[in-house]
Amino acid sequence: MAMKRVMIVAAALLVAGCGGKVTKSQSVSAMLEADIPSGNVILNCRASSSGSCHLLLVTGEKIERLSADAGKTATASGVTDTTQYCLQQSAPQNGCRLQPLNQGQQIVRSESKYTETN
């Protein structure tokens, strides 16, 4: 009888361990170099938890997407003083928060944490 109780307790502990929660984080770090008079922007991806940086540029009705692997760059043209951007570790989707693109260098960092249930 004692052995049966031990087996039941052991099984209960194993099942309890299956429903654990794991906290994960996603991060991205990049530098944007905007030359608005010439209409150019350079995405310099410094680091990303996914291995690449993804930039969404919105200028009026024009939408452009750039991506660069960590340690690499990508360029776009046609930016103006009304261009807004969103930078993420994966391709930006609906709901990304657009920010104004400013002349010169902008360092952009983002980190988000989330919990997954096993």
C-alpha atoms as a PDB file:
ATOM      1  CA  MET A   1       0.000   0.000   0.000  1.00  0.00           C
ATOM      2  CA  ALA A   2       2.855   2.399   0.852  1.00  0.00           C
ATOM      3  CA  MET A   3       4.461   1.716  -2.549  1.00  0.00           C
ATOM      4  CA  LYS A   4       1.180   2.560  -4.303  1.00  0.00           C
ATOM      5  CA  ARG A   5       1.022   5.937  -2.492  1.00  0.00           C
ATOM      6  CA  VAL A   6       4.604   6.707  -3.513  1.00  0.00           C
ATOM      7  CA  MET A   7       3.764   5.943  -7.148  1.00  0.00           C
ATOM      8  CA  ILE A   8       0.655   8.177  -7.025  1.00  0.00           C
ATOM      9  CA  VAL A   9       2.620  11.065  -5.501  1.00  0.00           C
ATOM     10  CA  ALA A  10       5.418  10.635  -8.059  1.00  0.00           C
ATOM     11  CA  ALA A  11       2.919  10.642 -10.936  1.00  0.00           C
ATOM     12  CA  ALA A  12       1.211  13.756  -9.552  1.00  0.00           C
ATOM     13  CA  LEU A  13       4.548  15.573  -9.354  1.00  0.00           C
ATOM     14  CA  LEU A  14       5.372  14.666 -12.950  1.00  0.00           C
ATOM     15  CA  VAL A  15       2.020  15.908 -14.212  1.00  0.00           C
ATOM     16  CA  ALA A  16       2.340  19.137 -12.198  1.00  0.00           C
ATOM     17  CA  GLY A  17       5.708  19.811 -13.827  1.00  0.00           C
ATOM     18  CA  CYS A  18       4.190  19.614 -17.313  1.00  0.00           C
ATOM     19  CA  GLY A  19       2.101  22.751 -16.838  1.00  0.00           C
ATOM     20  CA  GLY A  20       4.981  25.049 -15.898  1.00  0.00           C
ATOM     21  CA  LYS A  21       5.427  28.551 -17.200  1.00  0.00           C
ATOM     22  CA  VAL A  22       8.527  29.839 -18.953  1.00  0.00           C
ATOM     23  CA  THR A  23       9.361  33.538 -19.238  1.00  0.00           C
ATOM     24  CA  LYS A  24      11.055  34.486 -22.492  1.00  0.00           C
ATOM     25  CA  SER A  25      12.257  37.782 -23.864  1.00  0.00           C
ATOM     26  CA  GLN A  26      12.635  39.311 -27.297  1.00  0.00           C
ATOM     27  CA  SER A  27      14.961  42.213 -27.958  1.00  0.00           C
ATOM     28  CA  VAL A  28      16.309  44.328 -30.765  1.00  0.00           C
ATOM     29  CA  SER A  29      18.986  47.028 -30.914  1.00  0.00           C
ATOM     30  CA  ALA A  30      19.725  49.126 -33.976  1.00  0.00           C
ATOM     31  CA  MET A  31      20.926  52.518 -35.145  1.00  0.00           C
ATOM     32  CA  LEU A  32      19.043  54.452 -37.791  1.00  0.00           C
ATOM     33  CA  GLU A  33      20.976  57.070 -39.749  1.00  0.00           C
ATOM     34  CA  ALA A  34      18.530  59.364 -41.539  1.00  0.00           C
ATOM     35  CA  ASP A  35      19.626  61.921 -44.112  1.00  0.00           C
ATOM     36  CA  ILE A  36      16.253  63.528 -44.736  1.00  0.00           C
ATOM     37  CA  PRO A  37      17.471  66.206 -47.214  1.00  0.00           C
ATOM     38  CA  SER A  38      18.799  63.432 -49.484  1.00  0.00           C
ATOM     39  CA  GLY A  39      15.864  61.124 -48.650  1.00  0.00           C
ATOM     40  CA  ASN A  40      17.978  58.203 -47.412  1.00  0.00           C
ATOM     41  CA  VAL A  41      17.995  56.087 -44.254  1.00  0.00           C
ATOM     42  CA  ILE A  42      20.417  53.355 -43.173  1.00  0.00           C
ATOM     43  CA  LEU A  43      19.361  50.574 -40.801  1.00  0.00           C
ATOM     44  CA  ASN A  44      22.367  49.293 -38.841  1.00  0.00           C
ATOM     45  CA  CYS A  45      21.231  46.171 -36.957  1.00  0.00           C
ATOM     46  CA  ARG A  46      23.381  45.807 -33.851  1.00  0.00           C
ATOM     47  CA  ALA A  47      21.659  42.842 -32.154  1.00  0.00           C
ATOM     48  CA  SER A  48      18.377  40.968 -32.219  1.00  0.00           C
ATOM     49  CA  SER A  49      17.012  37.948 -30.386  1.00  0.00           C
ATOM     50  CA  SER A  50      15.739  36.659 -33.749  1.00  0.00           C
ATOM     51  CA  GLY A  51      19.062  37.298 -35.494  1.00  0.00           C
ATOM     52  CA  SER A  52      17.695  40.149 -37.628  1.00  0.00           C
ATOM     53  CA  CYS A  53      16.134  43.608 -37.342  1.00  0.00           C
ATOM     54  CA  HIS A  54      12.980  44.551 -39.240  1.00  0.00           C
ATOM     55  CA  LEU A  55      12.108  48.163 -40.027  1.00  0.00           C
ATOM     56  CA  LEU A  56       8.761  49.445 -41.263  1.00  0.00           C
ATOM     57  CA  LEU A  57       8.841  52.910 -42.884  1.00  0.00           C
ATOM     58  CA  VAL A  58       5.637  54.834 -43.582  1.00  0.00           C
ATOM     59  CA  THR A  59       5.683  58.025 -45.671  1.00  0.00           C
ATOM     60  CA  GLY A  60       2.151  59.112 -46.501  1.00  0.00           C
ATOM     61  CA  GLU A  61       0.655  56.206 -48.460  1.00  0.00           C
ATOM     62  CA  LYS A  62       4.064  54.651 -49.190  1.00  0.00           C
ATOM     63  CA  ILE A  63       5.061  51.685 -47.010  1.00  0.00           C
ATOM     64  CA  GLU A  64       8.537  50.154 -47.158  1.00  0.00           C
ATOM     65  CA  ARG A  65       9.980  47.229 -45.214  1.00  0.00           C
ATOM     66  CA  LEU A  66      13.680  46.698 -44.568  1.00  0.00           C
ATOM     67  CA  SER A  67      15.471  43.884 -42.795  1.00  0.00           C
ATOM     68  CA  ALA A  68      19.103  43.323 -41.897  1.00  0.00           C
ATOM     69  CA  ASP A  69      20.875  40.525 -40.088  1.00  0.00           C
ATOM     70  CA  ALA A  70      22.620  41.411 -36.826  1.00  0.00           C
ATOM     71  CA  GLY A  71      25.882  43.185 -37.655  1.00  0.00           C
ATOM     72  CA  LYS A  72      24.683  44.167 -41.155  1.00  0.00           C
ATOM     73  CA  THR A  73      23.016  47.195 -42.746  1.00  0.00           C
ATOM     74  CA  ALA A  74      20.174  47.908 -45.158  1.00  0.00           C
ATOM     75  CA  THR A  75      19.225  51.168 -46.875  1.00  0.00           C
ATOM     76  CA  ALA A  76      16.068  52.820 -48.166  1.00  0.00           C
ATOM     77  CA  SER A  77      15.363  55.994 -50.087  1.00  0.00           C
ATOM     78  CA  GLY A  78      12.373  58.284 -50.340  1.00  0.00           C
ATOM     79  CA  VAL A  79      12.134  59.273 -46.665  1.00  0.00           C
ATOM     80  CA  THR A  80      10.894  62.749 -45.793  1.00  0.00           C
ATOM     81  CA  ASP A  81      10.323  64.810 -42.677  1.00  0.00           C
ATOM     82  CA  THR A  82       6.892  63.115 -42.386  1.00  0.00           C
ATOM     83  CA  THR A  83       8.269  59.541 -42.412  1.00  0.00           C
ATOM     84  CA  GLN A  84       7.462  57.371 -39.407  1.00  0.00           C
ATOM     85  CA  TYR A  85       9.013  54.042 -38.479  1.00  0.00           C
ATOM     86  CA  CYS A  86       8.609  50.950 -36.354  1.00  0.00           C
ATOM     87  CA  LEU A  87      11.510  48.607 -35.520  1.00  0.00           C
ATOM     88  CA  GLN A  88      11.066  45.052 -34.247  1.00  0.00           C
ATOM     89  CA  GLN A  89      12.928  41.722 -34.032  1.00  0.00           C
ATOM     90  CA  SER A  90      10.414  40.207 -36.478  1.00  0.00           C
ATOM     91  CA  ALA A  91       8.419  41.690 -39.337  1.00  0.00           C
ATOM     92  CA  PRO A  92       6.180  44.418 -37.844  1.00  0.00           C
ATOM     93  CA  GLN A  93       2.480  43.629 -37.913  1.00  0.00           C
ATOM     94  CA  ASN A  94      -0.632  45.661 -37.241  1.00  0.00           C
ATOM     95  CA  GLY A  95      -0.328  47.433 -33.938  1.00  0.00           C
ATOM     96  CA  CYS A  96       3.337  48.388 -34.074  1.00  0.00           C
ATOM     97  CA  ARG A  97       3.790  51.885 -32.670  1.00  0.00           C
ATOM     98  CA  LEU A  98       5.041  54.285 -35.318  1.00  0.00           C
ATOM     99  CA  GLN A  99       7.542  56.952 -34.278  1.00  0.00           C
ATOM    100  CA  PRO A 100       8.780  59.973 -36.237  1.00  0.00           C
ATOM    101  CA  LEU A 101      12.008  59.482 -38.156  1.00  0.00           C
ATOM    102  CA  ASN A 102      14.366  62.305 -37.239  1.00  0.00           C
ATOM    103  CA  GLN A 103      17.356  63.712 -39.070  1.00  0.00           C
ATOM    104  CA  GLY A 104      20.675  62.174 -37.975  1.00  0.00           C
ATOM    105  CA  GLN A 105      21.389  59.121 -35.831  1.00  0.00           C
ATOM    106  CA  GLN A 106      18.762  57.447 -33.685  1.00  0.00           C
ATOM    107  CA  ILE A 107      19.575  54.521 -31.420  1.00  0.00           C
ATOM    108  CA  VAL A 108      16.567  52.242 -31.057  1.00  0.00           C
ATOM    109  CA  ARG A 109      16.294  49.499 -28.433  1.00  0.00           C
ATOM    110  CA  SER A 110      13.311  47.401 -27.510  1.00  0.00           C
ATOM    111  CA  GLU A 111      12.759  44.455 -25.201  1.00  0.00           C
ATOM    112  CA  SER A 112       9.575  42.595 -24.432  1.00  0.00           C
ATOM    113  CA  LYS A 113       8.977  39.706 -22.065  1.00  0.00           C
ATOM    114  CA  TYR A 114       6.227  37.144 -22.265  1.00  0.00           C
ATOM    115  CA  THR A 115       5.246  33.952 -20.509  1.00  0.00           C
ATOM    116  CA  GLU A 116       4.553  30.635 -22.226  1.00  0.00           C
ATOM    117  CA  THR A 117       2.796  27.729 -20.622  1.00  0.00           C
ATOM    118  CA  ASN A 118       4.245  24.306 -21.325  1.00  0.00           C
END
